[in-house]
Amino acid sequence: MNIKPLADRVLIKPAPAEEKTAGGIIIPDTAKEKPLQGEVLAVGNGTKDEEMVLKAGDTVLYGKYAGTEVELDGEKYLIMRQSDVLAVLA
């Protein structure tokens, strides 16, 4: 991984979009919703005002329009501020 977030930013790999509904219906690509959960891959050092509480390996929930999408080696990632993360899944 060649990306190191700065300050209070985190690098997240979004979870893959659901392929099927609970009832077994296959969802076409055009109807898939953007995933709202992902895994933290890298974190910045935080700022003097905000301590970094997230760590690599955390599974998190974030807002629908949070972050900036970045593509590296064909993979899509999100870079967002720690404050855009809504929750950490246990």
PDB file of N, CA and C in Angstrom:
ATOM      1  N   MET A   1       0.850  -1.182   0.000  1.00  0.00           N
ATOM      2  CA  MET A   1       0.000   0.000   0.000  1.00  0.00           C
ATOM      3  C   MET A   1       0.887   1.234   0.000  1.00  0.00           C
ATOM      4  N   ASN A   2       0.681   2.102  -0.961  1.00  0.00           N
ATOM      5  CA  ASN A   2       1.492   3.295  -1.093  1.00  0.00           C
ATOM      6  C   ASN A   2       0.785   4.561  -0.646  1.00  0.00           C
ATOM      7  N   ILE A   3      -0.359   4.440  -0.001  1.00  0.00           N
ATOM      8  CA  ILE A   3      -1.103   5.621   0.435  1.00  0.00           C
ATOM      9  C   ILE A   3      -1.010   5.731   1.950  1.00  0.00           C
ATOM     10  N   LYS A   4      -0.580   6.873   2.437  1.00  0.00           N
ATOM     11  CA  LYS A   4      -0.513   7.153   3.872  1.00  0.00           C
ATOM     12  C   LYS A   4      -1.342   8.416   4.129  1.00  0.00           C
ATOM     13  N   PRO A   5      -2.523   8.278   4.755  1.00  0.00           N
ATOM     14  CA  PRO A   5      -3.346   9.453   5.034  1.00  0.00           C
ATOM     15  C   PRO A   5      -2.634  10.416   5.984  1.00  0.00           C
ATOM     16  N   LEU A   6      -2.939  11.698   5.846  1.00  0.00           N
ATOM     17  CA  LEU A   6      -2.361  12.726   6.696  1.00  0.00           C
ATOM     18  C   LEU A   6      -3.379  13.217   7.710  1.00  0.00           C
ATOM     19  N   ALA A   7      -2.891  13.758   8.813  1.00  0.00           N
ATOM     20  CA  ALA A   7      -3.699  14.393   9.867  1.00  0.00           C
ATOM     21  C   ALA A   7      -4.811  13.462  10.334  1.00  0.00           C
ATOM     22  N   ASP A   8      -6.067  13.916  10.241  1.00  0.00           N
ATOM     23  CA  ASP A   8      -7.188  13.137  10.782  1.00  0.00           C
ATOM     24  C   ASP A   8      -7.928  12.355   9.700  1.00  0.00           C
ATOM     25  N   ARG A   9      -7.236  11.989   8.635  1.00  0.00           N
ATOM     26  CA  ARG A   9      -7.872  11.250   7.548  1.00  0.00           C
ATOM     27  C   ARG A   9      -7.594   9.754   7.660  1.00  0.00           C
ATOM     28  N   VAL A  10      -8.518   8.969   7.091  1.00  0.00           N
ATOM     29  CA  VAL A  10      -8.394   7.509   7.094  1.00  0.00           C
ATOM     30  C   VAL A  10      -8.615   6.985   5.681  1.00  0.00           C
ATOM     31  N   LEU A  11      -7.984   5.869   5.359  1.00  0.00           N
ATOM     32  CA  LEU A  11      -8.145   5.196   4.077  1.00  0.00           C
ATOM     33  C   LEU A  11      -9.027   3.978   4.306  1.00  0.00           C
ATOM     34  N   ILE A  12     -10.122   3.892   3.551  1.00  0.00           N
ATOM     35  CA  ILE A  12     -11.103   2.819   3.752  1.00  0.00           C
ATOM     36  C   ILE A  12     -11.306   2.054   2.460  1.00  0.00           C
ATOM     37  N   LYS A  13     -11.375   0.729   2.571  1.00  0.00           N
ATOM     38  CA  LYS A  13     -11.742  -0.123   1.437  1.00  0.00           C
ATOM     39  C   LYS A  13     -13.218  -0.470   1.623  1.00  0.00           C
ATOM     40  N   PRO A  14     -14.086   0.061   0.737  1.00  0.00           N
ATOM     41  CA  PRO A  14     -15.519  -0.211   0.878  1.00  0.00           C
ATOM     42  C   PRO A  14     -15.827  -1.699   0.737  1.00  0.00           C
ATOM     43  N   ALA A  15     -16.824  -2.148   1.492  1.00  0.00           N
ATOM     44  CA  ALA A  15     -17.292  -3.532   1.376  1.00  0.00           C
ATOM     45  C   ALA A  15     -17.956  -3.698   0.009  1.00  0.00           C
ATOM     46  N   PRO A  16     -17.902  -4.882  -0.564  1.00  0.00           N
ATOM     47  CA  PRO A  16     -18.544  -5.074  -1.873  1.00  0.00           C
ATOM     48  C   PRO A  16     -20.054  -4.899  -1.759  1.00  0.00           C
ATOM     49  N   ALA A  17     -20.686  -4.397  -2.825  1.00  0.00           N
ATOM     50  CA  ALA A  17     -22.138  -4.212  -2.848  1.00  0.00           C
ATOM     51  C   ALA A  17     -22.820  -5.579  -2.850  1.00  0.00           C
ATOM     52  N   GLU A  18     -23.996  -5.624  -2.267  1.00  0.00           N
ATOM     53  CA  GLU A  18     -24.754  -6.876  -2.195  1.00  0.00           C
ATOM     54  C   GLU A  18     -25.128  -7.346  -3.605  1.00  0.00           C
ATOM     55  N   GLU A  19     -24.953  -8.639  -3.852  1.00  0.00           N
ATOM     56  CA  GLU A  19     -25.286  -9.223  -5.152  1.00  0.00           C
ATOM     57  C   GLU A  19     -26.718  -9.739  -5.180  1.00  0.00           C
ATOM     58  N   LYS A  20     -27.248 -10.156  -4.012  1.00  0.00           N
ATOM     59  CA  LYS A  20     -28.591 -10.727  -3.926  1.00  0.00           C
ATOM     60  C   LYS A  20     -29.329 -10.115  -2.742  1.00  0.00           C
ATOM     61  N   THR A  21     -30.656 -10.123  -2.816  1.00  0.00           N
ATOM     62  CA  THR A  21     -31.465  -9.697  -1.679  1.00  0.00           C
ATOM     63  C   THR A  21     -31.609 -10.878  -0.727  1.00  0.00           C
ATOM     64  N   ALA A  22     -32.218 -10.630   0.428  1.00  0.00           N
ATOM     65  CA  ALA A  22     -32.436 -11.710   1.401  1.00  0.00           C
ATOM     66  C   ALA A  22     -33.325 -12.804   0.816  1.00  0.00           C
ATOM     67  N   GLY A  23     -34.214 -12.428  -0.102  1.00  0.00           N
ATOM     68  CA  GLY A  23     -35.113 -13.399  -0.728  1.00  0.00           C
ATOM     69  C   GLY A  23     -34.492 -14.139  -1.894  1.00  0.00           C
ATOM     70  N   GLY A  24     -33.253 -13.807  -2.280  1.00  0.00           N
ATOM     71  CA  GLY A  24     -32.559 -14.509  -3.337  1.00  0.00           C
ATOM     72  C   GLY A  24     -32.639 -13.856  -4.699  1.00  0.00           C
ATOM     73  N   ILE A  25     -33.214 -12.652  -4.776  1.00  0.00           N
ATOM     74  CA  ILE A  25     -33.307 -11.943  -6.049  1.00  0.00           C
ATOM     75  C   ILE A  25     -31.958 -11.325  -6.369  1.00  0.00           C
ATOM     76  N   ILE A  26     -31.463 -11.529  -7.591  1.00  0.00           N
ATOM     77  CA  ILE A  26     -30.176 -10.988  -8.009  1.00  0.00           C
ATOM     78  C   ILE A  26     -30.354  -9.510  -8.367  1.00  0.00           C
ATOM     79  N   ILE A  27     -29.486  -8.673  -7.825  1.00  0.00           N
ATOM     80  CA  ILE A  27     -29.566  -7.229  -8.047  1.00  0.00           C
ATOM     81  C   ILE A  27     -28.660  -6.867  -9.224  1.00  0.00           C
ATOM     82  N   PRO A  28     -29.194  -6.195 -10.258  1.00  0.00           N
ATOM     83  CA  PRO A  28     -28.336  -5.785 -11.385  1.00  0.00           C
ATOM     84  C   PRO A  28     -27.387  -4.664 -10.966  1.00  0.00           C
ATOM     85  N   ASP A  29     -26.281  -4.510 -11.687  1.00  0.00           N
ATOM     86  CA  ASP A  29     -25.270  -3.504 -11.359  1.00  0.00           C
ATOM     87  C   ASP A  29     -25.841  -2.096 -11.276  1.00  0.00           C
ATOM     88  N   THR A  30     -26.799  -1.773 -12.128  1.00  0.00           N
ATOM     89  CA  THR A  30     -27.352  -0.414 -12.159  1.00  0.00           C
ATOM     90  C   THR A  30     -28.198  -0.105 -10.930  1.00  0.00           C
ATOM     91  N   ALA A  31     -28.666  -1.108 -10.210  1.00  0.00           N
ATOM     92  CA  ALA A  31     -29.539  -0.886  -9.056  1.00  0.00           C
ATOM     93  C   ALA A  31     -28.822  -1.064  -7.723  1.00  0.00           C
ATOM     94  N   LYS A  32     -27.551  -1.444  -7.758  1.00  0.00           N
ATOM     95  CA  LYS A  32     -26.820  -1.672  -6.513  1.00  0.00           C
ATOM     96  C   LYS A  32     -26.576  -0.358  -5.789  1.00  0.00           C
ATOM     97  N   GLU A  33     -26.767  -0.370  -4.483  1.00  0.00           N
ATOM     98  CA  GLU A  33     -26.511   0.818  -3.668  1.00  0.00           C
ATOM     99  C   GLU A  33     -25.044   0.867  -3.282  1.00  0.00           C
ATOM    100  N   LYS A  34     -24.541   2.061  -3.157  1.00  0.00           N
ATOM    101  CA  LYS A  34     -23.167   2.267  -2.716  1.00  0.00           C
ATOM    102  C   LYS A  34     -23.038   1.717  -1.290  1.00  0.00           C
ATOM    103  N   PRO A  35     -22.032   0.886  -1.012  1.00  0.00           N
ATOM    104  CA  PRO A  35     -21.897   0.340   0.345  1.00  0.00           C
ATOM    105  C   PRO A  35     -21.593   1.444   1.355  1.00  0.00           C
ATOM    106  N   LEU A  36     -22.089   1.271   2.564  1.00  0.00           N
ATOM    107  CA  LEU A  36     -21.900   2.262   3.614  1.00  0.00           C
ATOM    108  C   LEU A  36     -21.016   1.725   4.721  1.00  0.00           C
ATOM    109  N   GLN A  37     -20.329   0.648   4.440  1.00  0.00           N
ATOM    110  CA  GLN A  37     -19.425   0.076   5.429  1.00  0.00           C
ATOM    111  C   GLN A  37     -18.159  -0.358   4.739  1.00  0.00           C
ATOM    112  N   GLY A  38     -17.072  -0.388   5.497  1.00  0.00           N
ATOM    113  CA  GLY A  38     -15.799  -0.783   4.918  1.00  0.00           C
ATOM    114  C   GLY A  38     -14.764  -1.025   5.997  1.00  0.00           C
ATOM    115  N   GLU A  39     -13.568  -1.389   5.543  1.00  0.00           N
ATOM    116  CA  GLU A  39     -12.462  -1.692   6.455  1.00  0.00           C
ATOM    117  C   GLU A  39     -11.415  -0.587   6.375  1.00  0.00           C
ATOM    118  N   VAL A  40     -10.966  -0.139   7.540  1.00  0.00           N
ATOM    119  CA  VAL A  40      -9.920   0.873   7.608  1.00  0.00           C
ATOM    120  C   VAL A  40      -8.587   0.201   7.277  1.00  0.00           C
ATOM    121  N   LEU A  41      -7.891   0.731   6.263  1.00  0.00           N
ATOM    122  CA  LEU A  41      -6.600   0.166   5.861  1.00  0.00           C
ATOM    123  C   LEU A  41      -5.426   0.946   6.443  1.00  0.00           C
ATOM    124  N   ALA A  42      -5.582   2.267   6.554  1.00  0.00           N
ATOM    125  CA  ALA A  42      -4.497   3.111   7.067  1.00  0.00           C
ATOM    126  C   ALA A  42      -5.100   4.349   7.705  1.00  0.00           C
ATOM    127  N   VAL A  43      -4.409   4.907   8.687  1.00  0.00           N
ATOM    128  CA  VAL A  43      -4.881   6.104   9.388  1.00  0.00           C
ATOM    129  C   VAL A  43      -3.747   7.123   9.482  1.00  0.00           C
ATOM    130  N   GLY A  44      -4.135   8.392   9.581  1.00  0.00           N
ATOM    131  CA  GLY A  44      -3.160   9.452   9.810  1.00  0.00           C
ATOM    132  C   GLY A  44      -2.796   9.513  11.287  1.00  0.00           C
ATOM    133  N   ASN A  45      -2.014  10.509  11.663  1.00  0.00           N
ATOM    134  CA  ASN A  45      -1.568  10.645  13.051  1.00  0.00           C
ATOM    135  C   ASN A  45      -2.538  11.421  13.924  1.00  0.00           C
ATOM    136  N   GLY A  46      -3.579  11.982  13.349  1.00  0.00           N
ATOM    137  CA  GLY A  46      -4.483  12.829  14.102  1.00  0.00           C
ATOM    138  C   GLY A  46      -3.973  14.263  14.083  1.00  0.00           C
ATOM    139  N   THR A  47      -4.693  15.137  14.764  1.00  0.00           N
ATOM    140  CA  THR A  47      -4.278  16.533  14.861  1.00  0.00           C
ATOM    141  C   THR A  47      -4.109  16.887  16.330  1.00  0.00           C
ATOM    142  N   LYS A  48      -3.608  18.082  16.591  1.00  0.00           N
ATOM    143  CA  LYS A  48      -3.431  18.482  17.989  1.00  0.00           C
ATOM    144  C   LYS A  48      -4.773  18.640  18.690  1.00  0.00           C
ATOM    145  N   ASP A  49      -5.838  18.885  17.927  1.00  0.00           N
ATOM    146  CA  ASP A  49      -7.171  19.047  18.502  1.00  0.00           C
ATOM    147  C   ASP A  49      -7.982  17.759  18.530  1.00  0.00           C
ATOM    148  N   GLU A  50      -7.631  16.808  17.668  1.00  0.00           N
ATOM    149  CA  GLU A  50      -8.407  15.574  17.568  1.00  0.00           C
ATOM    150  C   GLU A  50      -7.484  14.359  17.535  1.00  0.00           C
ATOM    151  N   GLU A  51      -7.600  13.522  18.555  1.00  0.00           N
ATOM    152  CA  GLU A  51      -6.800  12.298  18.651  1.00  0.00           C
ATOM    153  C   GLU A  51      -7.368  11.251  17.700  1.00  0.00           C
ATOM    154  N   MET A  52      -6.516  10.478  17.069  1.00  0.00           N
ATOM    155  CA  MET A  52      -6.962   9.422  16.161  1.00  0.00           C
ATOM    156  C   MET A  52      -7.409   8.219  16.984  1.00  0.00           C
ATOM    157  N   VAL A  53      -8.698   7.877  16.895  1.00  0.00           N
ATOM    158  CA  VAL A  53      -9.223   6.746  17.651  1.00  0.00           C
ATOM    159  C   VAL A  53      -9.415   5.508  16.779  1.00  0.00           C
ATOM    160  N   LEU A  54      -9.442   5.703  15.458  1.00  0.00           N
ATOM    161  CA  LEU A  54      -9.562   4.564  14.552  1.00  0.00           C
ATOM    162  C   LEU A  54      -8.195   3.932  14.338  1.00  0.00           C
ATOM    163  N   LYS A  55      -8.194   2.653  13.983  1.00  0.00           N
ATOM    164  CA  LYS A  55      -6.938   1.958  13.703  1.00  0.00           C
ATOM    165  C   LYS A  55      -7.150   1.038  12.507  1.00  0.00           C
ATOM    166  N   ALA A  56      -6.078   0.667  11.869  1.00  0.00           N
ATOM    167  CA  ALA A  56      -6.148  -0.245  10.726  1.00  0.00           C
ATOM    168  C   ALA A  56      -6.811  -1.547  11.164  1.00  0.00           C
ATOM    169  N   GLY A  57      -7.712  -2.052  10.328  1.00  0.00           N
ATOM    170  CA  GLY A  57      -8.417  -3.289  10.632  1.00  0.00           C
ATOM    171  C   GLY A  57      -9.822  -3.077  11.175  1.00  0.00           C
ATOM    172  N   ASP A  58     -10.151  -1.851  11.605  1.00  0.00           N
ATOM    173  CA  ASP A  58     -11.505  -1.559  12.097  1.00  0.00           C
ATOM    174  C   ASP A  58     -12.499  -1.643  10.941  1.00  0.00           C
ATOM    175  N   THR A  59     -13.688  -2.184  11.221  1.00  0.00           N
ATOM    176  CA  THR A  59     -14.787  -2.161  10.269  1.00  0.00           C
ATOM    177  C   THR A  59     -15.695  -1.017  10.690  1.00  0.00           C
ATOM    178  N   VAL A  60     -15.977  -0.103   9.765  1.00  0.00           N
ATOM    179  CA  VAL A  60     -16.686   1.125  10.118  1.00  0.00           C
ATOM    180  C   VAL A  60     -17.896   1.364   9.222  1.00  0.00           C
ATOM    181  N   LEU A  61     -18.824   2.182   9.723  1.00  0.00           N
ATOM    182  CA  LEU A  61     -19.950   2.689   8.955  1.00  0.00           C
ATOM    183  C   LEU A  61     -19.689   4.157   8.678  1.00  0.00           C
ATOM    184  N   TYR A  62     -20.047   4.616   7.490  1.00  0.00           N
ATOM    185  CA  TYR A  62     -19.839   6.014   7.136  1.00  0.00           C
ATOM    186  C   TYR A  62     -21.033   6.514   6.332  1.00  0.00           C
ATOM    187  N   GLY A  63     -21.125   7.823   6.175  1.00  0.00           N
ATOM    188  CA  GLY A  63     -22.234   8.436   5.460  1.00  0.00           C
ATOM    189  C   GLY A  63     -22.209   8.119   3.970  1.00  0.00           C
ATOM    190  N   LYS A  64     -23.365   8.220   3.341  1.00  0.00           N
ATOM    191  CA  LYS A  64     -23.523   7.871   1.932  1.00  0.00           C
ATOM    192  C   LYS A  64     -22.619   8.680   1.009  1.00  0.00           C
ATOM    193  N   TYR A  65     -22.435   9.956   1.298  1.00  0.00           N
ATOM    194  CA  TYR A  65     -21.640  10.814   0.424  1.00  0.00           C
ATOM    195  C   TYR A  65     -20.311  11.224   1.053  1.00  0.00           C
ATOM    196  N   ALA A  66     -19.863  10.486   2.050  1.00  0.00           N
ATOM    197  CA  ALA A  66     -18.628  10.829   2.756  1.00  0.00           C
ATOM    198  C   ALA A  66     -17.405  10.418   1.939  1.00  0.00           C
ATOM    199  N   GLY A  67     -16.355  11.199   2.077  1.00  0.00           N
ATOM    200  CA  GLY A  67     -15.061  10.831   1.521  1.00  0.00           C
ATOM    201  C   GLY A  67     -14.871  11.145   0.050  1.00  0.00           C
ATOM    202  N   THR A  68     -13.642  10.920  -0.367  1.00  0.00           N
ATOM    203  CA  THR A  68     -13.225  11.110  -1.745  1.00  0.00           C
ATOM    204  C   THR A  68     -12.785   9.763  -2.293  1.00  0.00           C
ATOM    205  N   GLU A  69     -13.343   9.376  -3.440  1.00  0.00           N
ATOM    206  CA  GLU A  69     -13.002   8.089  -4.026  1.00  0.00           C
ATOM    207  C   GLU A  69     -11.658   8.185  -4.749  1.00  0.00           C
ATOM    208  N   VAL A  70     -10.801   7.192  -4.502  1.00  0.00           N
ATOM    209  CA  VAL A  70      -9.473   7.127  -5.107  1.00  0.00           C
ATOM    210  C   VAL A  70      -9.306   5.733  -5.698  1.00  0.00           C
ATOM    211  N   GLU A  71      -8.711   5.662  -6.899  1.00  0.00           N
ATOM    212  CA  GLU A  71      -8.464   4.360  -7.514  1.00  0.00           C
ATOM    213  C   GLU A  71      -6.963   4.131  -7.609  1.00  0.00           C
ATOM    214  N   LEU A  72      -6.516   2.975  -7.119  1.00  0.00           N
ATOM    215  CA  LEU A  72      -5.106   2.616  -7.146  1.00  0.00           C
ATOM    216  C   LEU A  72      -4.991   1.152  -7.546  1.00  0.00           C
ATOM    217  N   ASP A  73      -4.253   0.873  -8.598  1.00  0.00           N
ATOM    218  CA  ASP A  73      -4.065  -0.494  -9.107  1.00  0.00           C
ATOM    219  C   ASP A  73      -5.398  -1.192  -9.373  1.00  0.00           C
ATOM    220  N   GLY A  74      -6.380  -0.461  -9.888  1.00  0.00           N
ATOM    221  CA  GLY A  74      -7.673  -1.054 -10.225  1.00  0.00           C
ATOM    222  C   GLY A  74      -8.614  -1.232  -9.052  1.00  0.00           C
ATOM    223  N   GLU A  75      -8.191  -0.930  -7.845  1.00  0.00           N
ATOM    224  CA  GLU A  75      -9.033  -1.038  -6.653  1.00  0.00           C
ATOM    225  C   GLU A  75      -9.551   0.337  -6.258  1.00  0.00           C
ATOM    226  N   LYS A  76     -10.788   0.408  -5.783  1.00  0.00           N
ATOM    227  CA  LYS A  76     -11.357   1.684  -5.346  1.00  0.00           C
ATOM    228  C   LYS A  76     -11.290   1.790  -3.826  1.00  0.00           C
ATOM    229  N   TYR A  77     -10.853   2.957  -3.361  1.00  0.00           N
ATOM    230  CA  TYR A  77     -10.736   3.246  -1.934  1.00  0.00           C
ATOM    231  C   TYR A  77     -11.409   4.579  -1.648  1.00  0.00           C
ATOM    232  N   LEU A  78     -11.646   4.838  -0.378  1.00  0.00           N
ATOM    233  CA  LEU A  78     -12.174   6.126   0.058  1.00  0.00           C
ATOM    234  C   LEU A  78     -11.197   6.744   1.046  1.00  0.00           C
ATOM    235  N   ILE A  79     -10.967   8.046   0.906  1.00  0.00           N
ATOM    236  CA  ILE A  79     -10.209   8.791   1.905  1.00  0.00           C
ATOM    237  C   ILE A  79     -11.187   9.783   2.519  1.00  0.00           C
ATOM    238  N   MET A  80     -11.319   9.744   3.834  1.00  0.00           N
ATOM    239  CA  MET A  80     -12.242  10.646   4.519  1.00  0.00           C
ATOM    240  C   MET A  80     -11.697  11.049   5.873  1.00  0.00           C
ATOM    241  N   ARG A  81     -12.262  12.096   6.412  1.00  0.00           N
ATOM    242  CA  ARG A  81     -11.888  12.533   7.756  1.00  0.00           C
ATOM    243  C   ARG A  81     -12.453  11.566   8.776  1.00  0.00           C
ATOM    244  N   GLN A  82     -11.766  11.434   9.887  1.00  0.00           N
ATOM    245  CA  GLN A  82     -12.238  10.573  10.960  1.00  0.00           C
ATOM    246  C   GLN A  82     -13.640  10.987  11.408  1.00  0.00           C
ATOM    247  N   SER A  83     -13.945  12.272  11.380  1.00  0.00           N
ATOM    248  CA  SER A  83     -15.255  12.749  11.825  1.00  0.00           C
ATOM    249  C   SER A  83     -16.383  12.338  10.871  1.00  0.00           C
ATOM    250  N   ASP A  84     -16.060  11.909   9.637  1.00  0.00           N
ATOM    251  CA  ASP A  84     -17.086  11.424   8.703  1.00  0.00           C
ATOM    252  C   ASP A  84     -17.489   9.980   8.994  1.00  0.00           C
ATOM    253  N   VAL A  85     -16.714   9.292   9.818  1.00  0.00           N
ATOM    254  CA  VAL A  85     -17.039   7.919  10.196  1.00  0.00           C
ATOM    255  C   VAL A  85     -18.102   7.977  11.289  1.00  0.00           C
ATOM    256  N   LEU A  86     -19.194   7.229  11.080  1.00  0.00           N
ATOM    257  CA  LEU A  86     -20.318   7.265  12.006  1.00  0.00           C
ATOM    258  C   LEU A  86     -20.174   6.302  13.177  1.00  0.00           C
ATOM    259  N   ALA A  87     -19.603   5.116  12.922  1.00  0.00           N
ATOM    260  CA  ALA A  87     -19.507   4.108  13.975  1.00  0.00           C
ATOM    261  C   ALA A  87     -18.453   3.047  13.619  1.00  0.00           C
ATOM    262  N   VAL A  88     -17.963   2.389  14.649  1.00  0.00           N
ATOM    263  CA  VAL A  88     -17.070   1.242  14.479  1.00  0.00           C
ATOM    264  C   VAL A  88     -17.870   0.003  14.829  1.00  0.00           C
ATOM    265  N   LEU A  89     -17.871  -0.995  13.946  1.00  0.00           N
ATOM    266  CA  LEU A  89     -18.591  -2.244  14.197  1.00  0.00           C
ATOM    267  C   LEU A  89     -17.730  -3.162  15.052  1.00  0.00           C
ATOM    268  N   ALA A  90     -18.322  -3.729  16.063  1.00  0.00           N
ATOM    269  CA  ALA A  90     -17.584  -4.613  16.967  1.00  0.00           C
ATOM    270  C   ALA A  90     -17.620  -6.036  16.498  1.00  0.00           C
TER     271      ALA A  90
END
